[in-house]
């Protein structure tokens, strides 16, 4: 199936959700430093304030990946329709979103349709489904939906694309990161897999908000930067695979720290830490593994959050969450 990603491209693609664009320019600056490829699910609206900047990044850097091809969206539309139908009218309520009749009623209320989604090839049937179900209203050049529902729809599309292309999802909306986990699993006190959030402190220039895009594009183009970035992502993938196995391998953790340090050295003398968080699910009990890693690398900056049990009823995606509040002006 054609998806829009280049299968011969060895670089890791992160699909941003929700929606069609990042929240602000600061997040794009973070992406220029830490992501090999960044993709969006939806076509960017002409009403967007970031259109010119995205055009510049497309022309002057290798950050932006191609969006999905229409055939991919068309092929997965029936599946998405079935999933959305189940989420808004489940057999039982297990979250304040799923099965919440009052919330679903608000999503169907026309005055709440405040999010514009432009018409996009491959999404015609899905837009039609939203219209017939009362979740959208027709507008010139596209449709309008309640923003929370549009976010939910975007998240589902992004997840399917990531799973089909061995990509990862990334967002700066902590609520949606938690909701994505609840889409794929159920917490349970007994049985299930050990799961925990892993927090990875990433260094960024202290005055990131004041650094121009031209400077960051030049940094990305410097000799050795792309190699260090690739090494960082390869080491991160190896680290997450090791944690997911449940077997502690201090050598893999040491290699990740070395790769991270190599990238940090290219960011200048004044940096501060930002958390990158991801959910790890283990094939084995996680506690012994975490204890061994902490004993072998006592100076490691990784933060292991409390372990919970989860039953995964859908294939688990790899998804990350970032918070940039520490470097906002």
C-alpha atoms as a PDB file:
ATOM      1  CA  UNK A   1       0.000   0.000   0.000  1.00  0.00           C
ATOM      2  CA  UNK A   2       1.347   3.429  -0.909  1.00  0.00           C
ATOM      3  CA  UNK A   3       1.635   5.554   2.176  1.00  0.00           C
ATOM      4  CA  UNK A   4       3.581   8.660   1.188  1.00  0.00           C
ATOM      5  CA  UNK A   5       6.740   7.735   3.099  1.00  0.00           C
ATOM      6  CA  UNK A   6       9.902   6.744   1.272  1.00  0.00           C
ATOM      7  CA  UNK A   7      10.695   3.125   2.264  1.00  0.00           C
ATOM      8  CA  UNK A   8      14.329   3.649   1.266  1.00  0.00           C
ATOM      9  CA  UNK A   9      14.709   6.583   3.665  1.00  0.00           C
ATOM     10  CA  UNK A  10      16.536   5.270   6.757  1.00  0.00           C
ATOM     11  CA  UNK A  11      15.593   8.275   8.868  1.00  0.00           C
ATOM     12  CA  UNK A  12      13.008   7.941  11.632  1.00  0.00           C
ATOM     13  CA  UNK A  13       9.738   9.746  10.927  1.00  0.00           C
ATOM     14  CA  UNK A  14       7.708  11.220  13.777  1.00  0.00           C
ATOM     15  CA  UNK A  15       4.069  11.974  12.976  1.00  0.00           C
ATOM     16  CA  UNK A  16       2.743  14.978  14.857  1.00  0.00           C
ATOM     17  CA  UNK A  17      -0.767  14.880  16.257  1.00  0.00           C
ATOM     18  CA  UNK A  18      -3.328  16.306  16.739  1.00  0.00           C
ATOM     19  CA  UNK A  19      -4.333  18.200  13.678  1.00  0.00           C
ATOM     20  CA  UNK A  20      -2.392  19.500  10.752  1.00  0.00           C
ATOM     21  CA  UNK A  21       0.302  21.599  12.336  1.00  0.00           C
ATOM     22  CA  UNK A  22       2.275  22.127  15.505  1.00  0.00           C
ATOM     23  CA  UNK A  23       1.067  24.437  18.228  1.00  0.00           C
ATOM     24  CA  UNK A  24       3.660  27.163  17.676  1.00  0.00           C
ATOM     25  CA  UNK A  25       7.043  28.063  16.193  1.00  0.00           C
ATOM     26  CA  UNK A  26       8.920  26.986  19.327  1.00  0.00           C
ATOM     27  CA  UNK A  27       7.916  23.373  18.797  1.00  0.00           C
ATOM     28  CA  UNK A  28       9.287  23.484  15.247  1.00  0.00           C
ATOM     29  CA  UNK A  29      12.586  24.717  16.656  1.00  0.00           C
ATOM     30  CA  UNK A  30      12.669  21.707  18.971  1.00  0.00           C
ATOM     31  CA  UNK A  31      11.906  19.474  15.981  1.00  0.00           C
ATOM     32  CA  UNK A  32      14.803  20.906  13.962  1.00  0.00           C
ATOM     33  CA  UNK A  33      17.184  19.866  16.727  1.00  0.00           C
ATOM     34  CA  UNK A  34      15.819  16.465  17.710  1.00  0.00           C
ATOM     35  CA  UNK A  35      13.741  14.913  14.909  1.00  0.00           C
ATOM     36  CA  UNK A  36      15.091  13.344  11.739  1.00  0.00           C
ATOM     37  CA  UNK A  37      11.788  13.610   9.892  1.00  0.00           C
ATOM     38  CA  UNK A  38       8.492  15.285  10.850  1.00  0.00           C
ATOM     39  CA  UNK A  39       5.200  14.575   9.094  1.00  0.00           C
ATOM     40  CA  UNK A  40       1.634  15.818   9.405  1.00  0.00           C
ATOM     41  CA  UNK A  41      -1.555  13.869   8.829  1.00  0.00           C
ATOM     42  CA  UNK A  42      -3.714  16.646   7.403  1.00  0.00           C
ATOM     43  CA  UNK A  43      -3.163  19.227   4.701  1.00  0.00           C
ATOM     44  CA  UNK A  44      -2.224  22.562   6.257  1.00  0.00           C
ATOM     45  CA  UNK A  45      -5.025  25.078   5.915  1.00  0.00           C
ATOM     46  CA  UNK A  46      -4.402  28.283   3.997  1.00  0.00           C
ATOM     47  CA  UNK A  47      -5.671  30.007   7.145  1.00  0.00           C
ATOM     48  CA  UNK A  48      -2.668  28.717   9.080  1.00  0.00           C
ATOM     49  CA  UNK A  49      -0.178  31.214  10.456  1.00  0.00           C
ATOM     50  CA  UNK A  50       2.689  28.755   9.930  1.00  0.00           C
ATOM     51  CA  UNK A  51       2.300  28.170   6.184  1.00  0.00           C
ATOM     52  CA  UNK A  52       5.197  30.416   5.138  1.00  0.00           C
ATOM     53  CA  UNK A  53       7.486  28.969   7.806  1.00  0.00           C
ATOM     54  CA  UNK A  54       6.680  25.401   6.795  1.00  0.00           C
ATOM     55  CA  UNK A  55       7.427  26.288   3.175  1.00  0.00           C
ATOM     56  CA  UNK A  56      10.810  27.654   4.266  1.00  0.00           C
ATOM     57  CA  UNK A  57      11.603  24.481   6.205  1.00  0.00           C
ATOM     58  CA  UNK A  58      10.589  22.350   3.239  1.00  0.00           C
ATOM     59  CA  UNK A  59      12.899  24.286   0.931  1.00  0.00           C
ATOM     60  CA  UNK A  60      15.892  24.798   3.220  1.00  0.00           C
ATOM     61  CA  UNK A  61      16.003  21.683   5.426  1.00  0.00           C
ATOM     62  CA  UNK A  62      15.336  17.951   5.289  1.00  0.00           C
ATOM     63  CA  UNK A  63      13.026  17.981   8.328  1.00  0.00           C
ATOM     64  CA  UNK A  64       9.601  17.681   6.703  1.00  0.00           C
ATOM     65  CA  UNK A  65       8.512  14.335   5.285  1.00  0.00           C
ATOM     66  CA  UNK A  66       5.865  13.871   2.624  1.00  0.00           C
ATOM     67  CA  UNK A  67       2.273  13.452   3.861  1.00  0.00           C
ATOM     68  CA  UNK A  68       0.358  10.208   3.308  1.00  0.00           C
ATOM     69  CA  UNK A  69      -0.866   9.489  -0.185  1.00  0.00           C
ATOM     70  CA  UNK A  70      -4.650   9.642  -0.720  1.00  0.00           C
ATOM     71  CA  UNK A  71      -4.814   5.884  -1.332  1.00  0.00           C
ATOM     72  CA  UNK A  72      -3.639   5.190   2.206  1.00  0.00           C
ATOM     73  CA  UNK A  73      -6.387   7.283   3.781  1.00  0.00           C
ATOM     74  CA  UNK A  74      -9.005   5.816   1.462  1.00  0.00           C
ATOM     75  CA  UNK A  75      -7.950   2.269   2.362  1.00  0.00           C
ATOM     76  CA  UNK A  76      -8.150   2.755   6.131  1.00  0.00           C
ATOM     77  CA  UNK A  77     -11.339   4.862   6.181  1.00  0.00           C
ATOM     78  CA  UNK A  78     -13.719   1.922   6.846  1.00  0.00           C
ATOM     79  CA  UNK A  79     -11.561   0.865   9.795  1.00  0.00           C
ATOM     80  CA  UNK A  80     -11.456   4.414  11.188  1.00  0.00           C
ATOM     81  CA  UNK A  81     -15.234   4.758  10.818  1.00  0.00           C
ATOM     82  CA  UNK A  82     -15.738   1.540  12.782  1.00  0.00           C
ATOM     83  CA  UNK A  83     -13.312   2.655  15.490  1.00  0.00           C
ATOM     84  CA  UNK A  84     -14.915   6.086  15.872  1.00  0.00           C
ATOM     85  CA  UNK A  85     -18.384   4.503  16.052  1.00  0.00           C
ATOM     86  CA  UNK A  86     -17.184   2.234  18.852  1.00  0.00           C
ATOM     87  CA  UNK A  87     -15.506   5.044  20.745  1.00  0.00           C
ATOM     88  CA  UNK A  88     -18.496   7.368  20.807  1.00  0.00           C
ATOM     89  CA  UNK A  89     -21.042   4.654  21.585  1.00  0.00           C
ATOM     90  CA  UNK A  90     -19.300   1.834  23.493  1.00  0.00           C
ATOM     91  CA  UNK A  91     -21.038  -0.937  25.400  1.00  0.00           C
ATOM     92  CA  UNK A  92     -19.764   0.533  28.637  1.00  0.00           C
ATOM     93  CA  UNK A  93     -18.163   3.709  29.904  1.00  0.00           C
ATOM     94  CA  UNK A  94     -14.486   3.386  30.824  1.00  0.00           C
ATOM     95  CA  UNK A  95     -13.266   6.959  30.410  1.00  0.00           C
ATOM     96  CA  UNK A  96     -14.693  10.454  30.659  1.00  0.00           C
ATOM     97  CA  UNK A  97     -14.522  10.725  26.849  1.00  0.00           C
ATOM     98  CA  UNK A  98     -15.640   7.292  25.685  1.00  0.00           C
ATOM     99  CA  UNK A  99     -19.343   6.820  26.257  1.00  0.00           C
ATOM    100  CA  UNK A 100     -19.856  10.301  27.648  1.00  0.00           C
ATOM    101  CA  UNK A 101     -23.230  11.159  26.137  1.00  0.00           C
ATOM    102  CA  UNK A 102     -23.093  14.795  27.207  1.00  0.00           C
ATOM    103  CA  UNK A 103     -19.706  15.255  25.520  1.00  0.00           C
ATOM    104  CA  UNK A 104     -20.826  13.486  22.342  1.00  0.00           C
ATOM    105  CA  UNK A 105     -23.889  15.732  22.232  1.00  0.00           C
ATOM    106  CA  UNK A 106     -21.620  18.776  22.418  1.00  0.00           C
ATOM    107  CA  UNK A 107     -19.522  17.377  19.564  1.00  0.00           C
ATOM    108  CA  UNK A 108     -22.691  17.203  17.461  1.00  0.00           C
ATOM    109  CA  UNK A 109     -23.789  20.750  18.325  1.00  0.00           C
ATOM    110  CA  UNK A 110     -23.162  23.058  15.352  1.00  0.00           C
ATOM    111  CA  UNK A 111     -22.094  26.082  17.465  1.00  0.00           C
ATOM    112  CA  UNK A 112     -19.231  23.943  18.783  1.00  0.00           C
ATOM    113  CA  UNK A 113     -17.881  23.177  15.307  1.00  0.00           C
ATOM    114  CA  UNK A 114     -14.967  25.595  15.653  1.00  0.00           C
ATOM    115  CA  UNK A 115     -12.147  23.642  13.971  1.00  0.00           C
ATOM    116  CA  UNK A 116     -11.769  23.971  10.195  1.00  0.00           C
ATOM    117  CA  UNK A 117     -10.453  20.925   8.316  1.00  0.00           C
ATOM    118  CA  UNK A 118      -9.740  21.616   4.642  1.00  0.00           C
ATOM    119  CA  UNK A 119     -10.826  19.177   1.954  1.00  0.00           C
ATOM    120  CA  UNK A 120      -8.099  16.624   1.300  1.00  0.00           C
ATOM    121  CA  UNK A 121      -7.720  13.888  -1.306  1.00  0.00           C
ATOM    122  CA  UNK A 122      -8.361  10.478   0.235  1.00  0.00           C
ATOM    123  CA  UNK A 123     -10.458  11.827   3.095  1.00  0.00           C
ATOM    124  CA  UNK A 124     -13.660  12.426   1.130  1.00  0.00           C
ATOM    125  CA  UNK A 125     -15.454   9.384   2.541  1.00  0.00           C
ATOM    126  CA  UNK A 126     -14.310  10.090   6.115  1.00  0.00           C
ATOM    127  CA  UNK A 127     -15.456  13.707   5.876  1.00  0.00           C
ATOM    128  CA  UNK A 128     -18.785  12.420   4.553  1.00  0.00           C
ATOM    129  CA  UNK A 129     -19.064  10.029   7.501  1.00  0.00           C
ATOM    130  CA  UNK A 130     -18.521  12.905   9.933  1.00  0.00           C
ATOM    131  CA  UNK A 131     -21.162  14.976   8.150  1.00  0.00           C
ATOM    132  CA  UNK A 132     -23.794  12.220   8.138  1.00  0.00           C
ATOM    133  CA  UNK A 133     -23.137  11.383  11.796  1.00  0.00           C
ATOM    134  CA  UNK A 134     -23.612  15.023  12.777  1.00  0.00           C
ATOM    135  CA  UNK A 135     -20.016  15.500  13.898  1.00  0.00           C
ATOM    136  CA  UNK A 136     -19.260  18.075  11.193  1.00  0.00           C
ATOM    137  CA  UNK A 137     -20.824  20.838   9.148  1.00  0.00           C
ATOM    138  CA  UNK A 138     -19.967  21.764   5.580  1.00  0.00           C
ATOM    139  CA  UNK A 139     -17.907  24.897   5.027  1.00  0.00           C
ATOM    140  CA  UNK A 140     -16.280  26.503   2.028  1.00  0.00           C
ATOM    141  CA  UNK A 141     -13.265  24.389   1.096  1.00  0.00           C
ATOM    142  CA  UNK A 142     -13.764  21.771   3.800  1.00  0.00           C
ATOM    143  CA  UNK A 143     -15.682  20.931   6.964  1.00  0.00           C
ATOM    144  CA  UNK A 144     -15.865  22.159  10.554  1.00  0.00           C
ATOM    145  CA  UNK A 145     -15.839  19.952  13.644  1.00  0.00           C
ATOM    146  CA  UNK A 146     -15.565  20.366  17.394  1.00  0.00           C
ATOM    147  CA  UNK A 147     -11.858  20.680  18.108  1.00  0.00           C
ATOM    148  CA  UNK A 148     -11.744  17.793  20.583  1.00  0.00           C
ATOM    149  CA  UNK A 149     -13.420  15.485  18.072  1.00  0.00           C
ATOM    150  CA  UNK A 150     -11.084  16.671  15.297  1.00  0.00           C
ATOM    151  CA  UNK A 151      -8.143  15.929  17.610  1.00  0.00           C
ATOM    152  CA  UNK A 152      -9.467  12.432  18.276  1.00  0.00           C
ATOM    153  CA  UNK A 153      -9.900  11.778  14.554  1.00  0.00           C
ATOM    154  CA  UNK A 154      -6.424  13.100  13.775  1.00  0.00           C
ATOM    155  CA  UNK A 155      -4.943  10.893  16.484  1.00  0.00           C
ATOM    156  CA  UNK A 156      -6.521   7.772  14.992  1.00  0.00           C
ATOM    157  CA  UNK A 157      -5.276   8.602  11.496  1.00  0.00           C
ATOM    158  CA  UNK A 158      -1.789   9.393  12.767  1.00  0.00           C
ATOM    159  CA  UNK A 159      -1.675   6.130  14.719  1.00  0.00           C
ATOM    160  CA  UNK A 160      -2.614   4.017  11.709  1.00  0.00           C
ATOM    161  CA  UNK A 161      -0.010   5.761   9.568  1.00  0.00           C
ATOM    162  CA  UNK A 162       2.712   5.322  12.185  1.00  0.00           C
ATOM    163  CA  UNK A 163       1.961   1.622  12.597  1.00  0.00           C
ATOM    164  CA  UNK A 164       1.986   1.088   8.826  1.00  0.00           C
ATOM    165  CA  UNK A 165       5.348   2.824   8.403  1.00  0.00           C
ATOM    166  CA  UNK A 166       7.301   1.919  11.555  1.00  0.00           C
ATOM    167  CA  UNK A 167       7.088   5.554  12.542  1.00  0.00           C
ATOM    168  CA  UNK A 168       6.423   7.137  15.906  1.00  0.00           C
ATOM    169  CA  UNK A 169       3.833   9.625  17.090  1.00  0.00           C
ATOM    170  CA  UNK A 170       4.688  12.798  18.947  1.00  0.00           C
ATOM    171  CA  UNK A 171       2.612  15.551  20.527  1.00  0.00           C
ATOM    172  CA  UNK A 172       2.791  18.385  23.010  1.00  0.00           C
ATOM    173  CA  UNK A 173      -0.739  17.695  24.315  1.00  0.00           C
ATOM    174  CA  UNK A 174      -0.415  15.527  27.436  1.00  0.00           C
ATOM    175  CA  UNK A 175      -4.168  14.869  27.492  1.00  0.00           C
ATOM    176  CA  UNK A 176      -4.056  13.282  24.042  1.00  0.00           C
ATOM    177  CA  UNK A 177      -0.980  11.241  24.913  1.00  0.00           C
ATOM    178  CA  UNK A 178      -2.903   9.692  27.804  1.00  0.00           C
ATOM    179  CA  UNK A 179      -5.980   9.238  25.646  1.00  0.00           C
ATOM    180  CA  UNK A 180      -3.959   7.394  23.001  1.00  0.00           C
ATOM    181  CA  UNK A 181      -2.833   4.892  25.623  1.00  0.00           C
ATOM    182  CA  UNK A 182      -6.448   4.398  26.711  1.00  0.00           C
ATOM    183  CA  UNK A 183      -7.423   3.740  23.098  1.00  0.00           C
ATOM    184  CA  UNK A 184      -4.951   0.876  22.933  1.00  0.00           C
ATOM    185  CA  UNK A 185      -5.216  -0.623  26.414  1.00  0.00           C
ATOM    186  CA  UNK A 186      -6.982  -0.855  29.738  1.00  0.00           C
ATOM    187  CA  UNK A 187      -5.355  -0.386  33.125  1.00  0.00           C
ATOM    188  CA  UNK A 188      -6.032  -3.271  35.480  1.00  0.00           C
ATOM    189  CA  UNK A 189      -4.891  -4.089  39.007  1.00  0.00           C
ATOM    190  CA  UNK A 190      -4.364  -7.753  38.177  1.00  0.00           C
ATOM    191  CA  UNK A 191      -2.621  -9.355  35.233  1.00  0.00           C
ATOM    192  CA  UNK A 192      -1.552  -7.624  32.075  1.00  0.00           C
ATOM    193  CA  UNK A 193       1.814  -6.189  31.139  1.00  0.00           C
ATOM    194  CA  UNK A 194       3.990  -3.979  33.289  1.00  0.00           C
ATOM    195  CA  UNK A 195       3.927  -0.446  31.866  1.00  0.00           C
ATOM    196  CA  UNK A 196       5.686   2.717  32.931  1.00  0.00           C
ATOM    197  CA  UNK A 197       6.392   6.166  31.566  1.00  0.00           C
ATOM    198  CA  UNK A 198      10.026   6.814  30.781  1.00  0.00           C
ATOM    199  CA  UNK A 199      11.139  10.442  30.969  1.00  0.00           C
ATOM    200  CA  UNK A 200      14.238  11.334  28.956  1.00  0.00           C
ATOM    201  CA  UNK A 201      15.780  14.742  29.719  1.00  0.00           C
ATOM    202  CA  UNK A 202      16.810  16.408  26.453  1.00  0.00           C
ATOM    203  CA  UNK A 203      19.140  19.388  26.359  1.00  0.00           C
ATOM    204  CA  UNK A 204      18.155  22.409  24.256  1.00  0.00           C
ATOM    205  CA  UNK A 205      19.753  25.865  24.012  1.00  0.00           C
ATOM    206  CA  UNK A 206      18.665  27.965  26.991  1.00  0.00           C
ATOM    207  CA  UNK A 207      17.347  30.796  24.808  1.00  0.00           C
ATOM    208  CA  UNK A 208      15.777  28.558  22.165  1.00  0.00           C
ATOM    209  CA  UNK A 209      12.864  30.962  21.668  1.00  0.00           C
ATOM    210  CA  UNK A 210      15.271  33.734  20.630  1.00  0.00           C
ATOM    211  CA  UNK A 211      17.323  31.649  18.211  1.00  0.00           C
ATOM    212  CA  UNK A 212      16.321  32.244  14.594  1.00  0.00           C
ATOM    213  CA  UNK A 213      15.223  29.475  12.271  1.00  0.00           C
ATOM    214  CA  UNK A 214      18.105  30.365   9.980  1.00  0.00           C
ATOM    215  CA  UNK A 215      20.560  29.562  12.798  1.00  0.00           C
ATOM    216  CA  UNK A 216      18.867  26.244  13.582  1.00  0.00           C
ATOM    217  CA  UNK A 217      18.739  25.241   9.910  1.00  0.00           C
ATOM    218  CA  UNK A 218      22.462  26.052   9.705  1.00  0.00           C
ATOM    219  CA  UNK A 219      23.104  23.954  12.845  1.00  0.00           C
ATOM    220  CA  UNK A 220      21.238  21.051  11.301  1.00  0.00           C
ATOM    221  CA  UNK A 221      23.361  21.399   8.167  1.00  0.00           C
ATOM    222  CA  UNK A 222      26.684  21.471  10.023  1.00  0.00           C
ATOM    223  CA  UNK A 223      29.157  18.692   9.323  1.00  0.00           C
ATOM    224  CA  UNK A 224      28.557  15.858  11.759  1.00  0.00           C
ATOM    225  CA  UNK A 225      25.188  17.010  13.118  1.00  0.00           C
ATOM    226  CA  UNK A 226      23.038  14.680  11.013  1.00  0.00           C
ATOM    227  CA  UNK A 227      25.306  11.737  11.883  1.00  0.00           C
ATOM    228  CA  UNK A 228      25.021  12.506  15.610  1.00  0.00           C
ATOM    229  CA  UNK A 229      21.244  12.859  15.328  1.00  0.00           C
ATOM    230  CA  UNK A 230      20.991   9.521  13.514  1.00  0.00           C
ATOM    231  CA  UNK A 231      23.176   7.882  16.173  1.00  0.00           C
ATOM    232  CA  UNK A 232      20.932   9.323  18.900  1.00  0.00           C
ATOM    233  CA  UNK A 233      17.769   7.869  17.348  1.00  0.00           C
ATOM    234  CA  UNK A 234      19.377   4.493  16.708  1.00  0.00           C
ATOM    235  CA  UNK A 235      20.531   4.367  20.334  1.00  0.00           C
ATOM    236  CA  UNK A 236      17.082   5.466  21.550  1.00  0.00           C
ATOM    237  CA  UNK A 237      15.382   2.720  19.520  1.00  0.00           C
ATOM    238  CA  UNK A 238      17.793   0.174  20.993  1.00  0.00           C
ATOM    239  CA  UNK A 239      17.140   1.479  24.508  1.00  0.00           C
ATOM    240  CA  UNK A 240      13.365   1.231  24.123  1.00  0.00           C
ATOM    241  CA  UNK A 241      13.629  -2.265  22.619  1.00  0.00           C
ATOM    242  CA  UNK A 242      15.763  -3.350  25.584  1.00  0.00           C
ATOM    243  CA  UNK A 243      13.296  -1.881  28.102  1.00  0.00           C
ATOM    244  CA  UNK A 244      10.394  -3.523  26.293  1.00  0.00           C
ATOM    245  CA  UNK A 245      12.070  -6.938  26.536  1.00  0.00           C
ATOM    246  CA  UNK A 246      12.301  -6.701  30.312  1.00  0.00           C
ATOM    247  CA  UNK A 247      15.972  -7.750  30.295  1.00  0.00           C
ATOM    248  CA  UNK A 248      18.397  -5.167  31.663  1.00  0.00           C
ATOM    249  CA  UNK A 249      21.409  -4.461  29.437  1.00  0.00           C
ATOM    250  CA  UNK A 250      23.558  -1.704  30.971  1.00  0.00           C
ATOM    251  CA  UNK A 251      25.727  -1.607  27.832  1.00  0.00           C
ATOM    252  CA  UNK A 252      22.764  -0.436  25.735  1.00  0.00           C
ATOM    253  CA  UNK A 253      21.961   2.249  28.313  1.00  0.00           C
ATOM    254  CA  UNK A 254      25.606   3.395  28.273  1.00  0.00           C
ATOM    255  CA  UNK A 255      25.568   3.604  24.460  1.00  0.00           C
ATOM    256  CA  UNK A 256      22.432   5.724  24.567  1.00  0.00           C
ATOM    257  CA  UNK A 257      24.007   8.112  27.066  1.00  0.00           C
ATOM    258  CA  UNK A 258      27.101   8.373  24.877  1.00  0.00           C
ATOM    259  CA  UNK A 259      25.009   9.145  21.798  1.00  0.00           C
ATOM    260  CA  UNK A 260      23.043  11.743  23.731  1.00  0.00           C
ATOM    261  CA  UNK A 261      26.224  13.371  24.992  1.00  0.00           C
ATOM    262  CA  UNK A 262      27.613  13.506  21.459  1.00  0.00           C
ATOM    263  CA  UNK A 263      24.553  15.437  20.317  1.00  0.00           C
ATOM    264  CA  UNK A 264      24.606  17.707  23.364  1.00  0.00           C
ATOM    265  CA  UNK A 265      28.140  18.854  22.534  1.00  0.00           C
ATOM    266  CA  UNK A 266      26.844  20.407  19.303  1.00  0.00           C
ATOM    267  CA  UNK A 267      24.188  22.534  21.046  1.00  0.00           C
ATOM    268  CA  UNK A 268      26.452  25.128  22.634  1.00  0.00           C
ATOM    269  CA  UNK A 269      27.551  25.810  26.217  1.00  0.00           C
ATOM    270  CA  UNK A 270      24.241  27.141  27.571  1.00  0.00           C
ATOM    271  CA  UNK A 271      21.501  24.513  27.624  1.00  0.00           C
ATOM    272  CA  UNK A 272      18.617  23.435  29.791  1.00  0.00           C
ATOM    273  CA  UNK A 273      16.650  20.237  30.097  1.00  0.00           C
ATOM    274  CA  UNK A 274      13.271  19.412  28.539  1.00  0.00           C
ATOM    275  CA  UNK A 275      11.458  16.131  29.185  1.00  0.00           C
ATOM    276  CA  UNK A 276      10.662  13.707  26.378  1.00  0.00           C
ATOM    277  CA  UNK A 277       8.234  11.087  27.714  1.00  0.00           C
ATOM    278  CA  UNK A 278       7.181   7.750  26.256  1.00  0.00           C
ATOM    279  CA  UNK A 279       5.237   4.750  27.525  1.00  0.00           C
ATOM    280  CA  UNK A 280       7.138   1.465  27.831  1.00  0.00           C
ATOM    281  CA  UNK A 281       5.363  -1.888  28.089  1.00  0.00           C
ATOM    282  CA  UNK A 282       7.452  -4.861  29.229  1.00  0.00           C
ATOM    283  CA  UNK A 283       7.261  -8.512  28.242  1.00  0.00           C
ATOM    284  CA  UNK A 284       8.516  -9.393  31.731  1.00  0.00           C
ATOM    285  CA  UNK A 285       8.089  -7.855  35.201  1.00  0.00           C
ATOM    286  CA  UNK A 286       9.840  -4.487  35.017  1.00  0.00           C
ATOM    287  CA  UNK A 287      10.968  -3.837  38.584  1.00  0.00           C
ATOM    288  CA  UNK A 288      14.056  -6.082  38.556  1.00  0.00           C
ATOM    289  CA  UNK A 289      15.198  -4.649  35.232  1.00  0.00           C
ATOM    290  CA  UNK A 290      14.834  -1.051  36.425  1.00  0.00           C
ATOM    291  CA  UNK A 291      16.713  -1.782  39.668  1.00  0.00           C
ATOM    292  CA  UNK A 292      19.617  -3.351  37.790  1.00  0.00           C
ATOM    293  CA  UNK A 293      19.867  -0.437  35.371  1.00  0.00           C
ATOM    294  CA  UNK A 294      19.853   2.074  38.222  1.00  0.00           C
ATOM    295  CA  UNK A 295      22.542   0.131  40.082  1.00  0.00           C
ATOM    296  CA  UNK A 296      24.771  -0.154  37.018  1.00  0.00           C
ATOM    297  CA  UNK A 297      24.302   3.477  35.919  1.00  0.00           C
ATOM    298  CA  UNK A 298      23.666   5.452  39.122  1.00  0.00           C
ATOM    299  CA  UNK A 299      24.320   8.785  37.390  1.00  0.00           C
ATOM    300  CA  UNK A 300      21.800   8.179  34.618  1.00  0.00           C
ATOM    301  CA  UNK A 301      19.326  11.033  34.152  1.00  0.00           C
ATOM    302  CA  UNK A 302      16.495   8.795  32.951  1.00  0.00           C
ATOM    303  CA  UNK A 303      13.346   8.962  35.093  1.00  0.00           C
ATOM    304  CA  UNK A 304      11.314   5.775  35.535  1.00  0.00           C
ATOM    305  CA  UNK A 305       7.751   6.552  36.587  1.00  0.00           C
ATOM    306  CA  UNK A 306       5.621   4.136  38.683  1.00  0.00           C
ATOM    307  CA  UNK A 307       4.740   0.780  37.139  1.00  0.00           C
ATOM    308  CA  UNK A 308       1.123   0.014  36.236  1.00  0.00           C
ATOM    309  CA  UNK A 309      -0.560  -3.025  34.709  1.00  0.00           C
ATOM    310  CA  UNK A 310      -2.163  -2.707  31.268  1.00  0.00           C
ATOM    311  CA  UNK A 311      -4.061  -5.062  28.998  1.00  0.00           C
ATOM    312  CA  UNK A 312      -3.434  -4.119  25.375  1.00  0.00           C
ATOM    313  CA  UNK A 313      -6.443  -4.865  23.196  1.00  0.00           C
ATOM    314  CA  UNK A 314      -4.949  -3.132  20.163  1.00  0.00           C
ATOM    315  CA  UNK A 315      -1.434  -3.077  18.753  1.00  0.00           C
ATOM    316  CA  UNK A 316       0.671  -0.674  20.793  1.00  0.00           C
ATOM    317  CA  UNK A 317       2.072   2.350  18.961  1.00  0.00           C
ATOM    318  CA  UNK A 318       5.242   4.188  19.885  1.00  0.00           C
ATOM    319  CA  UNK A 319       4.250   7.646  21.025  1.00  0.00           C
ATOM    320  CA  UNK A 320       6.142  10.513  22.630  1.00  0.00           C
ATOM    321  CA  UNK A 321       5.110  13.625  24.514  1.00  0.00           C
ATOM    322  CA  UNK A 322       7.119  16.815  25.007  1.00  0.00           C
ATOM    323  CA  UNK A 323       6.645  19.868  27.190  1.00  0.00           C
ATOM    324  CA  UNK A 324       8.385  23.113  26.153  1.00  0.00           C
ATOM    325  CA  UNK A 325       7.210  25.394  28.940  1.00  0.00           C
ATOM    326  CA  UNK A 326      10.718  25.747  30.388  1.00  0.00           C
ATOM    327  CA  UNK A 327      12.001  27.577  27.306  1.00  0.00           C
ATOM    328  CA  UNK A 328       8.969  29.666  26.474  1.00  0.00           C
ATOM    329  CA  UNK A 329       9.758  33.404  26.509  1.00  0.00           C
END
